[in-house]
Amino acid sequence: MLQALTPLFAFIAVLILGTDRRIVRTLRAHQALSPDAGVPLPPRNFIWRWRLKRLLGHGAVAYAEGTERVYLDETKWQAFRSWRRRRALTILVIVVPLAFLITYCSSRASWFSSNI
C-alpha cells in the first residue's frame, strides 16, 4: 500500500516546494525584500493561498506594517528552509527503517505460517 501512495506523496511534495519557490521568486522579482518595498500579492489558487499563509505563519513572508503588502524576510526564509530540511530528514530516518521493519516482519510471518 505504501508503494502505491509514494507517487502521490512525491507529487504533493513537488507541488508544495514549487509553490513556495514561485512565491519567493515573485517577491524577489518585485524586490519586495523589506517592509518599505512590500507588494500586494493577488490571490491565486488554493495551493498558492495555503502556502502563502504557511510562509506568513513562519515569518518567511510578512505583511508590511498596516498594509496588505507583503515582503520576503530572507533570514527567516533561510531558517524556514533549514527547518523543513531537518524535518524531512527526521521523517526519512524514522519512516524508511520502519518500512523495512514492517516488510521484513510481514515476510517472516508469511514464511512462518507457510512452514507450519
PDB file of N, CA and C in Angstrom:
ATOM      1  N   MET A   1       0.817  -1.192   0.000  1.00  0.00           N
ATOM      2  CA  MET A   1       0.000   0.000   0.000  1.00  0.00           C
ATOM      3  C   MET A   1       0.866   1.263   0.000  1.00  0.00           C
ATOM      4  N   LEU A   2       1.925   1.224   0.785  1.00  0.00           N
ATOM      5  CA  LEU A   2       2.817   2.380   0.837  1.00  0.00           C
ATOM      6  C   LEU A   2       3.437   2.661  -0.523  1.00  0.00           C
ATOM      7  N   GLN A   3       3.753   1.616  -1.257  1.00  0.00           N
ATOM      8  CA  GLN A   3       4.322   1.797  -2.597  1.00  0.00           C
ATOM      9  C   GLN A   3       3.331   2.468  -3.524  1.00  0.00           C
ATOM     10  N   ALA A   4       2.057   2.187  -3.362  1.00  0.00           N
ATOM     11  CA  ALA A   4       1.034   2.798  -4.212  1.00  0.00           C
ATOM     12  C   ALA A   4       0.875   4.281  -3.909  1.00  0.00           C
ATOM     13  N   LEU A   5       1.092   4.657  -2.668  1.00  0.00           N
ATOM     14  CA  LEU A   5       0.925   6.064  -2.273  1.00  0.00           C
ATOM     15  C   LEU A   5       2.173   6.914  -2.490  1.00  0.00           C
ATOM     16  N   THR A   6       3.315   6.286  -2.695  1.00  0.00           N
ATOM     17  CA  THR A   6       4.565   7.024  -2.847  1.00  0.00           C
ATOM     18  C   THR A   6       4.520   8.070  -3.959  1.00  0.00           C
ATOM     19  N   PRO A   7       4.006   7.753  -5.156  1.00  0.00           N
ATOM     20  CA  PRO A   7       3.938   8.795  -6.192  1.00  0.00           C
ATOM     21  C   PRO A   7       3.054   9.978  -5.782  1.00  0.00           C
ATOM     22  N   LEU A   8       1.979   9.703  -5.045  1.00  0.00           N
ATOM     23  CA  LEU A   8       1.112  10.788  -4.573  1.00  0.00           C
ATOM     24  C   LEU A   8       1.862  11.684  -3.606  1.00  0.00           C
ATOM     25  N   PHE A   9       2.588  11.087  -2.663  1.00  0.00           N
ATOM     26  CA  PHE A   9       3.370  11.875  -1.709  1.00  0.00           C
ATOM     27  C   PHE A   9       4.437  12.705  -2.430  1.00  0.00           C
ATOM     28  N   ALA A  10       5.074  12.125  -3.416  1.00  0.00           N
ATOM     29  CA  ALA A  10       6.093  12.843  -4.188  1.00  0.00           C
ATOM     30  C   ALA A  10       5.468  14.010  -4.944  1.00  0.00           C
ATOM     31  N   PHE A  11       4.303  13.790  -5.537  1.00  0.00           N
ATOM     32  CA  PHE A  11       3.609  14.855  -6.260  1.00  0.00           C
ATOM     33  C   PHE A  11       3.251  16.010  -5.332  1.00  0.00           C
ATOM     34  N   ILE A  12       2.735  15.687  -4.150  1.00  0.00           N
ATOM     35  CA  ILE A  12       2.370  16.719  -3.184  1.00  0.00           C
ATOM     36  C   ILE A  12       3.604  17.501  -2.745  1.00  0.00           C
ATOM     37  N   ALA A  13       4.707  16.808  -2.492  1.00  0.00           N
ATOM     38  CA  ALA A  13       5.949  17.486  -2.094  1.00  0.00           C
ATOM     39  C   ALA A  13       6.434  18.426  -3.187  1.00  0.00           C
ATOM     40  N   VAL A  14       6.395  17.972  -4.435  1.00  0.00           N
ATOM     41  CA  VAL A  14       6.825  18.816  -5.557  1.00  0.00           C
ATOM     42  C   VAL A  14       5.911  20.032  -5.675  1.00  0.00           C
ATOM     43  N   LEU A  15       4.623  19.835  -5.494  1.00  0.00           N
ATOM     44  CA  LEU A  15       3.657  20.935  -5.570  1.00  0.00           C
ATOM     45  C   LEU A  15       3.918  21.972  -4.486  1.00  0.00           C
ATOM     46  N   ILE A  16       4.164  21.517  -3.276  1.00  0.00           N
ATOM     47  CA  ILE A  16       4.432  22.422  -2.150  1.00  0.00           C
ATOM     48  C   ILE A  16       5.728  23.197  -2.379  1.00  0.00           C
ATOM     49  N   LEU A  17       6.806  22.472  -2.689  1.00  0.00           N
ATOM     50  CA  LEU A  17       8.099  23.134  -2.881  1.00  0.00           C
ATOM     51  C   LEU A  17       8.053  24.106  -4.062  1.00  0.00           C
ATOM     52  N   GLY A  18       7.409  23.690  -5.135  1.00  0.00           N
ATOM     53  CA  GLY A  18       7.316  24.552  -6.309  1.00  0.00           C
ATOM     54  C   GLY A  18       6.527  25.814  -6.033  1.00  0.00           C
ATOM     55  N   THR A  19       5.429  25.694  -5.301  1.00  0.00           N
ATOM     56  CA  THR A  19       4.614  26.870  -4.971  1.00  0.00           C
ATOM     57  C   THR A  19       5.384  27.816  -4.061  1.00  0.00           C
ATOM     58  N   ASP A  20       6.063  27.264  -3.064  1.00  0.00           N
ATOM     59  CA  ASP A  20       6.878  28.118  -2.186  1.00  0.00           C
ATOM     60  C   ASP A  20       7.927  28.869  -2.999  1.00  0.00           C
ATOM     61  N   ARG A  21       8.579  28.177  -3.911  1.00  0.00           N
ATOM     62  CA  ARG A  21       9.618  28.824  -4.730  1.00  0.00           C
ATOM     63  C   ARG A  21       9.023  29.908  -5.628  1.00  0.00           C
ATOM     64  N   ARG A  22       7.820  29.659  -6.178  1.00  0.00           N
ATOM     65  CA  ARG A  22       7.189  30.680  -7.026  1.00  0.00           C
ATOM     66  C   ARG A  22       6.843  31.927  -6.226  1.00  0.00           C
ATOM     67  N   ILE A  23       6.352  31.738  -5.007  1.00  0.00           N
ATOM     68  CA  ILE A  23       6.034  32.887  -4.155  1.00  0.00           C
ATOM     69  C   ILE A  23       7.306  33.680  -3.877  1.00  0.00           C
ATOM     70  N   VAL A  24       8.365  32.990  -3.482  1.00  0.00           N
ATOM     71  CA  VAL A  24       9.633  33.660  -3.175  1.00  0.00           C
ATOM     72  C   VAL A  24      10.198  34.334  -4.423  1.00  0.00           C
ATOM     73  N   ARG A  25      10.147  33.635  -5.550  1.00  0.00           N
ATOM     74  CA  ARG A  25      10.643  34.197  -6.809  1.00  0.00           C
ATOM     75  C   ARG A  25       9.867  35.463  -7.187  1.00  0.00           C
ATOM     76  N   THR A  26       8.556  35.444  -6.980  1.00  0.00           N
ATOM     77  CA  THR A  26       7.726  36.614  -7.280  1.00  0.00           C
ATOM     78  C   THR A  26       8.128  37.793  -6.404  1.00  0.00           C
ATOM     79  N   LEU A  27       8.316  37.542  -5.125  1.00  0.00           N
ATOM     80  CA  LEU A  27       8.712  38.627  -4.217  1.00  0.00           C
ATOM     81  C   LEU A  27      10.105  39.145  -4.556  1.00  0.00           C
ATOM     82  N   ARG A  28      11.010  38.268  -4.884  1.00  0.00           N
ATOM     83  CA  ARG A  28      12.360  38.710  -5.267  1.00  0.00           C
ATOM     84  C   ARG A  28      12.319  39.488  -6.577  1.00  0.00           C
ATOM     85  N   ALA A  29      11.509  39.062  -7.528  1.00  0.00           N
ATOM     86  CA  ALA A  29      11.409  39.753  -8.810  1.00  0.00           C
ATOM     87  C   ALA A  29      10.886  41.174  -8.629  1.00  0.00           C
ATOM     88  N   HIS A  30       9.998  41.355  -7.651  1.00  0.00           N
ATOM     89  CA  HIS A  30       9.474  42.691  -7.354  1.00  0.00           C
ATOM     90  C   HIS A  30      10.357  43.427  -6.340  1.00  0.00           C
ATOM     91  N   GLN A  31      11.463  42.798  -5.955  1.00  0.00           N
ATOM     92  CA  GLN A  31      12.398  43.343  -4.966  1.00  0.00           C
ATOM     93  C   GLN A  31      11.694  43.702  -3.665  1.00  0.00           C
ATOM     94  N   ALA A  32      10.728  42.875  -3.298  1.00  0.00           N
ATOM     95  CA  ALA A  32       9.981  43.073  -2.057  1.00  0.00           C
ATOM     96  C   ALA A  32      10.722  42.351  -0.934  1.00  0.00           C
ATOM     97  N   LEU A  33      11.825  42.975  -0.500  1.00  0.00           N
ATOM     98  CA  LEU A  33      12.698  42.350   0.490  1.00  0.00           C
ATOM     99  C   LEU A  33      12.751  43.124   1.803  1.00  0.00           C
ATOM    100  N   SER A  34      11.900  44.119   1.927  1.00  0.00           N
ATOM    101  CA  SER A  34      11.821  44.889   3.164  1.00  0.00           C
ATOM    102  C   SER A  34      10.394  45.424   3.302  1.00  0.00           C
ATOM    103  N   PRO A  35      10.021  45.839   4.518  1.00  0.00           N
ATOM    104  CA  PRO A  35       8.658  46.351   4.703  1.00  0.00           C
ATOM    105  C   PRO A  35       8.331  47.532   3.780  1.00  0.00           C
ATOM    106  N   ASP A  36       9.324  48.369   3.521  1.00  0.00           N
ATOM    107  CA  ASP A  36       9.084  49.534   2.661  1.00  0.00           C
ATOM    108  C   ASP A  36       8.855  49.138   1.204  1.00  0.00           C
ATOM    109  N   ALA A  37       9.382  48.002   0.804  1.00  0.00           N
ATOM    110  CA  ALA A  37       9.286  47.565  -0.590  1.00  0.00           C
ATOM    111  C   ALA A  37       8.199  46.508  -0.799  1.00  0.00           C
ATOM    112  N   GLY A  38       7.348  46.295   0.207  1.00  0.00           N
ATOM    113  CA  GLY A  38       6.311  45.268   0.112  1.00  0.00           C
ATOM    114  C   GLY A  38       5.401  45.474  -1.094  1.00  0.00           C
ATOM    115  N   VAL A  39       4.881  44.385  -1.613  1.00  0.00           N
ATOM    116  CA  VAL A  39       3.984  44.429  -2.773  1.00  0.00           C
ATOM    117  C   VAL A  39       2.703  43.650  -2.456  1.00  0.00           C
ATOM    118  N   PRO A  40       1.601  44.039  -3.091  1.00  0.00           N
ATOM    119  CA  PRO A  40       0.387  43.234  -2.922  1.00  0.00           C
ATOM    120  C   PRO A  40       0.490  41.971  -3.770  1.00  0.00           C
ATOM    121  N   LEU A  41       0.129  40.851  -3.204  1.00  0.00           N
ATOM    122  CA  LEU A  41       0.103  39.598  -3.964  1.00  0.00           C
ATOM    123  C   LEU A  41      -1.355  39.241  -4.220  1.00  0.00           C
ATOM    124  N   PRO A  42      -1.751  39.215  -5.481  1.00  0.00           N
ATOM    125  CA  PRO A  42      -3.142  38.863  -5.766  1.00  0.00           C
ATOM    126  C   PRO A  42      -3.405  37.405  -5.398  1.00  0.00           C
ATOM    127  N   PRO A  43      -4.604  37.134  -4.889  1.00  0.00           N
ATOM    128  CA  PRO A  43      -4.905  35.742  -4.544  1.00  0.00           C
ATOM    129  C   PRO A  43      -4.932  34.880  -5.804  1.00  0.00           C
ATOM    130  N   ARG A  44      -4.374  33.710  -5.688  1.00  0.00           N
ATOM    131  CA  ARG A  44      -4.359  32.770  -6.813  1.00  0.00           C
ATOM    132  C   ARG A  44      -5.129  31.533  -6.418  1.00  0.00           C
ATOM    133  N   ASN A  45      -4.643  30.381  -6.780  1.00  0.00           N
ATOM    134  CA  ASN A  45      -5.357  29.147  -6.466  1.00  0.00           C
ATOM    135  C   ASN A  45      -5.233  28.782  -4.994  1.00  0.00           C
ATOM    136  N   PHE A  46      -5.922  27.724  -4.632  1.00  0.00           N
ATOM    137  CA  PHE A  46      -5.945  27.264  -3.242  1.00  0.00           C
ATOM    138  C   PHE A  46      -4.548  26.969  -2.714  1.00  0.00           C
ATOM    139  N   ILE A  47      -3.734  26.271  -3.491  1.00  0.00           N
ATOM    140  CA  ILE A  47      -2.383  25.896  -3.043  1.00  0.00           C
ATOM    141  C   ILE A  47      -1.555  27.145  -2.773  1.00  0.00           C
ATOM    142  N   TRP A  48      -1.617  28.130  -3.672  1.00  0.00           N
ATOM    143  CA  TRP A  48      -0.874  29.389  -3.513  1.00  0.00           C
ATOM    144  C   TRP A  48      -1.271  30.061  -2.197  1.00  0.00           C
ATOM    145  N   ARG A  49      -2.583  30.193  -1.965  1.00  0.00           N
ATOM    146  CA  ARG A  49      -3.052  30.862  -0.739  1.00  0.00           C
ATOM    147  C   ARG A  49      -2.636  30.078   0.502  1.00  0.00           C
ATOM    148  N   TRP A  50      -2.711  28.735   0.440  1.00  0.00           N
ATOM    149  CA  TRP A  50      -2.326  27.887   1.567  1.00  0.00           C
ATOM    150  C   TRP A  50      -0.845  28.049   1.885  1.00  0.00           C
ATOM    151  N   ARG A  51       0.000  28.006   0.849  1.00  0.00           N
ATOM    152  CA  ARG A  51       1.437  28.115   1.066  1.00  0.00           C
ATOM    153  C   ARG A  51       1.827  29.524   1.515  1.00  0.00           C
ATOM    154  N   LEU A  52       1.168  30.559   0.973  1.00  0.00           N
ATOM    155  CA  LEU A  52       1.446  31.930   1.426  1.00  0.00           C
ATOM    156  C   LEU A  52       1.107  32.066   2.903  1.00  0.00           C
ATOM    157  N   LYS A  53      -0.024  31.512   3.307  1.00  0.00           N
ATOM    158  CA  LYS A  53      -0.405  31.561   4.722  1.00  0.00           C
ATOM    159  C   LYS A  53       0.631  30.835   5.582  1.00  0.00           C
ATOM    160  N   ARG A  54       1.128  29.712   5.090  1.00  0.00           N
ATOM    161  CA  ARG A  54       2.150  28.958   5.820  1.00  0.00           C
ATOM    162  C   ARG A  54       3.439  29.771   5.952  1.00  0.00           C
ATOM    163  N   LEU A  55       3.854  30.407   4.853  1.00  0.00           N
ATOM    164  CA  LEU A  55       5.072  31.231   4.892  1.00  0.00           C
ATOM    165  C   LEU A  55       4.881  32.441   5.804  1.00  0.00           C
ATOM    166  N   LEU A  56       3.683  33.003   5.807  1.00  0.00           N
ATOM    167  CA  LEU A  56       3.389  34.108   6.729  1.00  0.00           C
ATOM    168  C   LEU A  56       3.461  33.630   8.172  1.00  0.00           C
ATOM    169  N   GLY A  57       2.954  32.435   8.438  1.00  0.00           N
ATOM    170  CA  GLY A  57       2.978  31.876   9.789  1.00  0.00           C
ATOM    171  C   GLY A  57       4.378  31.630  10.308  1.00  0.00           C
ATOM    172  N   HIS A  58       5.293  31.304   9.413  1.00  0.00           N
ATOM    173  CA  HIS A  58       6.685  31.058   9.813  1.00  0.00           C
ATOM    174  C   HIS A  58       7.527  32.329   9.763  1.00  0.00           C
ATOM    175  N   GLY A  59       6.945  33.412   9.290  1.00  0.00           N
ATOM    176  CA  GLY A  59       7.669  34.679   9.250  1.00  0.00           C
ATOM    177  C   GLY A  59       8.566  34.850   8.039  1.00  0.00           C
ATOM    178  N   ALA A  60       8.621  33.858   7.153  1.00  0.00           N
ATOM    179  CA  ALA A  60       9.456  33.972   5.952  1.00  0.00           C
ATOM    180  C   ALA A  60       8.918  35.062   5.034  1.00  0.00           C
ATOM    181  N   VAL A  61       7.611  35.213   5.041  1.00  0.00           N
ATOM    182  CA  VAL A  61       6.937  36.306   4.341  1.00  0.00           C
ATOM    183  C   VAL A  61       6.170  37.067   5.410  1.00  0.00           C
ATOM    184  N   ALA A  62       6.155  38.385   5.314  1.00  0.00           N
ATOM    185  CA  ALA A  62       5.493  39.190   6.336  1.00  0.00           C
ATOM    186  C   ALA A  62       4.731  40.332   5.689  1.00  0.00           C
ATOM    187  N   TYR A  63       3.719  40.780   6.397  1.00  0.00           N
ATOM    188  CA  TYR A  63       2.984  41.972   5.952  1.00  0.00           C
ATOM    189  C   TYR A  63       3.736  43.213   6.374  1.00  0.00           C
ATOM    190  N   ALA A  64       3.778  44.185   5.479  1.00  0.00           N
ATOM    191  CA  ALA A  64       4.317  45.498   5.846  1.00  0.00           C
ATOM    192  C   ALA A  64       3.323  46.116   6.827  1.00  0.00           C
ATOM    193  N   GLU A  65       3.822  46.819   7.798  1.00  0.00           N
ATOM    194  CA  GLU A  65       3.012  47.379   8.886  1.00  0.00           C
ATOM    195  C   GLU A  65       1.773  48.115   8.374  1.00  0.00           C
ATOM    196  N   GLY A  66       0.607  47.623   8.793  1.00  0.00           N
ATOM    197  CA  GLY A  66      -0.650  48.299   8.495  1.00  0.00           C
ATOM    198  C   GLY A  66      -1.095  48.257   7.039  1.00  0.00           C
ATOM    199  N   THR A  67      -0.547  47.353   6.244  1.00  0.00           N
ATOM    200  CA  THR A  67      -0.936  47.280   4.838  1.00  0.00           C
ATOM    201  C   THR A  67      -1.230  45.834   4.445  1.00  0.00           C
ATOM    202  N   GLU A  68      -1.676  45.662   3.229  1.00  0.00           N
ATOM    203  CA  GLU A  68      -1.887  44.326   2.661  1.00  0.00           C
ATOM    204  C   GLU A  68      -0.700  43.928   1.793  1.00  0.00           C
ATOM    205  N   ARG A  69       0.371  44.682   1.881  1.00  0.00           N
ATOM    206  CA  ARG A  69       1.573  44.407   1.085  1.00  0.00           C
ATOM    207  C   ARG A  69       2.458  43.427   1.849  1.00  0.00           C
ATOM    208  N   VAL A  70       3.064  42.501   1.111  1.00  0.00           N
ATOM    209  CA  VAL A  70       3.926  41.506   1.735  1.00  0.00           C
ATOM    210  C   VAL A  70       5.350  41.630   1.202  1.00  0.00           C
ATOM    211  N   TYR A  71       6.280  41.130   1.989  1.00  0.00           N
ATOM    212  CA  TYR A  71       7.684  41.130   1.583  1.00  0.00           C
ATOM    213  C   TYR A  71       8.342  39.860   2.098  1.00  0.00           C
ATOM    214  N   LEU A  72       9.470  39.540   1.506  1.00  0.00           N
ATOM    215  CA  LEU A  72      10.235  38.352   1.880  1.00  0.00           C
ATOM    216  C   LEU A  72      11.286  38.727   2.909  1.00  0.00           C
ATOM    217  N   ASP A  73      11.286  38.029   4.019  1.00  0.00           N
ATOM    218  CA  ASP A  73      12.343  38.175   5.020  1.00  0.00           C
ATOM    219  C   ASP A  73      13.349  37.059   4.731  1.00  0.00           C
ATOM    220  N   GLU A  74      14.448  37.408   4.071  1.00  0.00           N
ATOM    221  CA  GLU A  74      15.429  36.415   3.616  1.00  0.00           C
ATOM    222  C   GLU A  74      15.980  35.563   4.756  1.00  0.00           C
ATOM    223  N   THR A  75      16.249  36.169   5.896  1.00  0.00           N
ATOM    224  CA  THR A  75      16.802  35.435   7.036  1.00  0.00           C
ATOM    225  C   THR A  75      15.820  34.368   7.516  1.00  0.00           C
ATOM    226  N   LYS A  76      14.571  34.755   7.662  1.00  0.00           N
ATOM    227  CA  LYS A  76      13.562  33.796   8.123  1.00  0.00           C
ATOM    228  C   LYS A  76      13.221  32.778   7.039  1.00  0.00           C
ATOM    229  N   TRP A  77      13.335  33.160   5.777  1.00  0.00           N
ATOM    230  CA  TRP A  77      13.135  32.209   4.684  1.00  0.00           C
ATOM    231  C   TRP A  77      14.202  31.117   4.743  1.00  0.00           C
ATOM    232  N   GLN A  78      15.452  31.508   4.946  1.00  0.00           N
ATOM    233  CA  GLN A  78      16.533  30.522   5.049  1.00  0.00           C
ATOM    234  C   GLN A  78      16.334  29.630   6.279  1.00  0.00           C
ATOM    235  N   ALA A  79      15.890  30.227   7.394  1.00  0.00           N
ATOM    236  CA  ALA A  79      15.637  29.441   8.609  1.00  0.00           C
ATOM    237  C   ALA A  79      14.492  28.457   8.380  1.00  0.00           C
ATOM    238  N   PHE A  80      13.456  28.887   7.684  1.00  0.00           N
ATOM    239  CA  PHE A  80      12.330  28.004   7.364  1.00  0.00           C
ATOM    240  C   PHE A  80      12.784  26.846   6.487  1.00  0.00           C
ATOM    241  N   ARG A  81      13.607  27.120   5.489  1.00  0.00           N
ATOM    242  CA  ARG A  81      14.116  26.068   4.609  1.00  0.00           C
ATOM    243  C   ARG A  81      14.959  25.066   5.394  1.00  0.00           C
ATOM    244  N   SER A  82      15.793  25.558   6.312  1.00  0.00           N
ATOM    245  CA  SER A  82      16.614  24.663   7.137  1.00  0.00           C
ATOM    246  C   SER A  82      15.739  23.789   8.025  1.00  0.00           C
ATOM    247  N   TRP A  83      14.725  24.404   8.630  1.00  0.00           N
ATOM    248  CA  TRP A  83      13.803  23.647   9.479  1.00  0.00           C
ATOM    249  C   TRP A  83      13.090  22.576   8.665  1.00  0.00           C
ATOM    250  N   ARG A  84      12.659  22.929   7.451  1.00  0.00           N
ATOM    251  CA  ARG A  84      11.948  21.983   6.591  1.00  0.00           C
ATOM    252  C   ARG A  84      12.855  20.810   6.201  1.00  0.00           C
ATOM    253  N   ARG A  85      14.121  21.100   5.915  1.00  0.00           N
ATOM    254  CA  ARG A  85      15.079  20.028   5.585  1.00  0.00           C
ATOM    255  C   ARG A  85      15.289  19.096   6.771  1.00  0.00           C
ATOM    256  N   ARG A  86      15.452  19.672   7.962  1.00  0.00           N
ATOM    257  CA  ARG A  86      15.651  18.847   9.166  1.00  0.00           C
ATOM    258  C   ARG A  86      14.435  17.965   9.421  1.00  0.00           C
ATOM    259  N   ARG A  87      13.252  18.527   9.235  1.00  0.00           N
ATOM    260  CA  ARG A  87      12.022  17.761   9.437  1.00  0.00           C
ATOM    261  C   ARG A  87      11.925  16.615   8.431  1.00  0.00           C
ATOM    262  N   ALA A  88      12.226  16.891   7.173  1.00  0.00           N
ATOM    263  CA  ALA A  88      12.180  15.851   6.141  1.00  0.00           C
ATOM    264  C   ALA A  88      13.196  14.743   6.442  1.00  0.00           C
ATOM    265  N   LEU A  89      14.386  15.129   6.855  1.00  0.00           N
ATOM    266  CA  LEU A  89      15.412  14.142   7.188  1.00  0.00           C
ATOM    267  C   LEU A  89      14.984  13.293   8.382  1.00  0.00           C
ATOM    268  N   THR A  90      14.395  13.922   9.381  1.00  0.00           N
ATOM    269  CA  THR A  90      13.912  13.190  10.554  1.00  0.00           C
ATOM    270  C   THR A  90      12.841  12.179  10.151  1.00  0.00           C
ATOM    271  N   ILE A  91      11.930  12.598   9.292  1.00  0.00           N
ATOM    272  CA  ILE A  91      10.882  11.693   8.829  1.00  0.00           C
ATOM    273  C   ILE A  91      11.495  10.519   8.079  1.00  0.00           C
ATOM    274  N   LEU A  92      12.465  10.802   7.215  1.00  0.00           N
ATOM    275  CA  LEU A  92      13.111   9.718   6.469  1.00  0.00           C
ATOM    276  C   LEU A  92      13.832   8.745   7.390  1.00  0.00           C
ATOM    277  N   VAL A  93      14.494   9.283   8.398  1.00  0.00           N
ATOM    278  CA  VAL A  93      15.235   8.433   9.332  1.00  0.00           C
ATOM    279  C   VAL A  93      14.274   7.530  10.103  1.00  0.00           C
ATOM    280  N   ILE A  94      13.056   7.973  10.316  1.00  0.00           N
ATOM    281  CA  ILE A  94      12.074   7.160  11.034  1.00  0.00           C
ATOM    282  C   ILE A  94      11.296   6.254  10.087  1.00  0.00           C
ATOM    283  N   VAL A  95      10.811   6.795   8.978  1.00  0.00           N
ATOM    284  CA  VAL A  95       9.909   6.059   8.095  1.00  0.00           C
ATOM    285  C   VAL A  95      10.614   4.949   7.321  1.00  0.00           C
ATOM    286  N   VAL A  96      11.793   5.214   6.782  1.00  0.00           N
ATOM    287  CA  VAL A  96      12.470   4.200   5.963  1.00  0.00           C
ATOM    288  C   VAL A  96      12.805   2.948   6.780  1.00  0.00           C
ATOM    289  N   PRO A  97      13.444   3.072   7.935  1.00  0.00           N
ATOM    290  CA  PRO A  97      13.693   1.851   8.720  1.00  0.00           C
ATOM    291  C   PRO A  97      12.391   1.165   9.158  1.00  0.00           C
ATOM    292  N   LEU A  98      11.383   1.963   9.476  1.00  0.00           N
ATOM    293  CA  LEU A  98      10.106   1.387   9.876  1.00  0.00           C
ATOM    294  C   LEU A  98       9.478   0.595   8.725  1.00  0.00           C
ATOM    295  N   ALA A  99       9.556   1.121   7.512  1.00  0.00           N
ATOM    296  CA  ALA A  99       9.018   0.414   6.344  1.00  0.00           C
ATOM    297  C   ALA A  99       9.780  -0.887   6.115  1.00  0.00           C
ATOM    298  N   PHE A 100      11.098  -0.846   6.238  1.00  0.00           N
ATOM    299  CA  PHE A 100      11.878  -2.080   6.110  1.00  0.00           C
ATOM    300  C   PHE A 100      11.511  -3.088   7.190  1.00  0.00           C
ATOM    301  N   LEU A 101      11.342  -2.618   8.399  1.00  0.00           N
ATOM    302  CA  LEU A 101      10.978  -3.499   9.502  1.00  0.00           C
ATOM    303  C   LEU A 101       9.614  -4.142   9.261  1.00  0.00           C
ATOM    304  N   ILE A 102       8.653  -3.370   8.841  1.00  0.00           N
ATOM    305  CA  ILE A 102       7.315  -3.908   8.564  1.00  0.00           C
ATOM    306  C   ILE A 102       7.376  -4.926   7.438  1.00  0.00           C
ATOM    307  N   THR A 103       8.120  -4.611   6.385  1.00  0.00           N
ATOM    308  CA  THR A 103       8.259  -5.539   5.258  1.00  0.00           C
ATOM    309  C   THR A 103       8.932  -6.832   5.711  1.00  0.00           C
ATOM    310  N   TYR A 104       9.984  -6.685   6.473  1.00  0.00           N
ATOM    311  CA  TYR A 104      10.713  -7.854   6.964  1.00  0.00           C
ATOM    312  C   TYR A 104       9.815  -8.719   7.849  1.00  0.00           C
ATOM    313  N   CYS A 105       9.121  -8.089   8.791  1.00  0.00           N
ATOM    314  CA  CYS A 105       8.264  -8.845   9.712  1.00  0.00           C
ATOM    315  C   CYS A 105       7.115  -9.523   8.974  1.00  0.00           C
ATOM    316  N   SER A 106       6.530  -8.840   8.008  1.00  0.00           N
ATOM    317  CA  SER A 106       5.420  -9.461   7.279  1.00  0.00           C
ATOM    318  C   SER A 106       5.908 -10.616   6.414  1.00  0.00           C
ATOM    319  N   SER A 107       7.115 -10.498   5.845  1.00  0.00           N
ATOM    320  CA  SER A 107       7.638 -11.621   5.047  1.00  0.00           C
ATOM    321  C   SER A 107       8.003 -12.792   5.956  1.00  0.00           C
ATOM    322  N   ARG A 108       8.522 -12.520   7.123  1.00  0.00           N
ATOM    323  CA  ARG A 108       8.849 -13.588   8.069  1.00  0.00           C
ATOM    324  C   ARG A 108       7.574 -14.256   8.561  1.00  0.00           C
ATOM    325  N   ALA A 109       6.532 -13.487   8.809  1.00  0.00           N
ATOM    326  CA  ALA A 109       5.272 -14.049   9.288  1.00  0.00           C
ATOM    327  C   ALA A 109       4.651 -14.939   8.228  1.00  0.00           C
ATOM    328  N   SER A 110       4.707 -14.523   6.963  1.00  0.00           N
ATOM    329  CA  SER A 110       4.137 -15.363   5.898  1.00  0.00           C
ATOM    330  C   SER A 110       4.997 -16.621   5.710  1.00  0.00           C
ATOM    331  N   TRP A 111       6.306 -16.514   5.854  1.00  0.00           N
ATOM    332  CA  TRP A 111       7.189 -17.688   5.743  1.00  0.00           C
ATOM    333  C   TRP A 111       6.906 -18.659   6.876  1.00  0.00           C
ATOM    334  N   PHE A 112       6.746 -18.094   8.092  1.00  0.00           N
ATOM    335  CA  PHE A 112       6.497 -18.924   9.259  1.00  0.00           C
ATOM    336  C   PHE A 112       5.178 -19.655   9.139  1.00  0.00           C
ATOM    337  N   SER A 113       4.112 -18.958   8.706  1.00  0.00           N
ATOM    338  CA  SER A 113       2.797 -19.590   8.603  1.00  0.00           C
ATOM    339  C   SER A 113       2.750 -20.636   7.503  1.00  0.00           C
ATOM    340  N   SER A 114       3.561 -20.473   6.449  1.00  0.00           N
ATOM    341  CA  SER A 114       3.555 -21.457   5.361  1.00  0.00           C
ATOM    342  C   SER A 114       4.357 -22.704   5.722  1.00  0.00           C
ATOM    343  N   ASN A 115       5.206 -22.621   6.710  1.00  0.00           N
ATOM    344  CA  ASN A 115       6.031 -23.760   7.117  1.00  0.00           C
ATOM    345  C   ASN A 115       5.469 -24.496   8.339  1.00  0.00           C
ATOM    346  N   ILE A 116       4.325 -24.151   8.776  1.00  0.00           N
ATOM    347  CA  ILE A 116       3.732 -24.837   9.943  1.00  0.00           C
ATOM    348  C   ILE A 116       2.937 -26.028   9.492  1.00  0.00           C
TER     349      ILE A 116
END
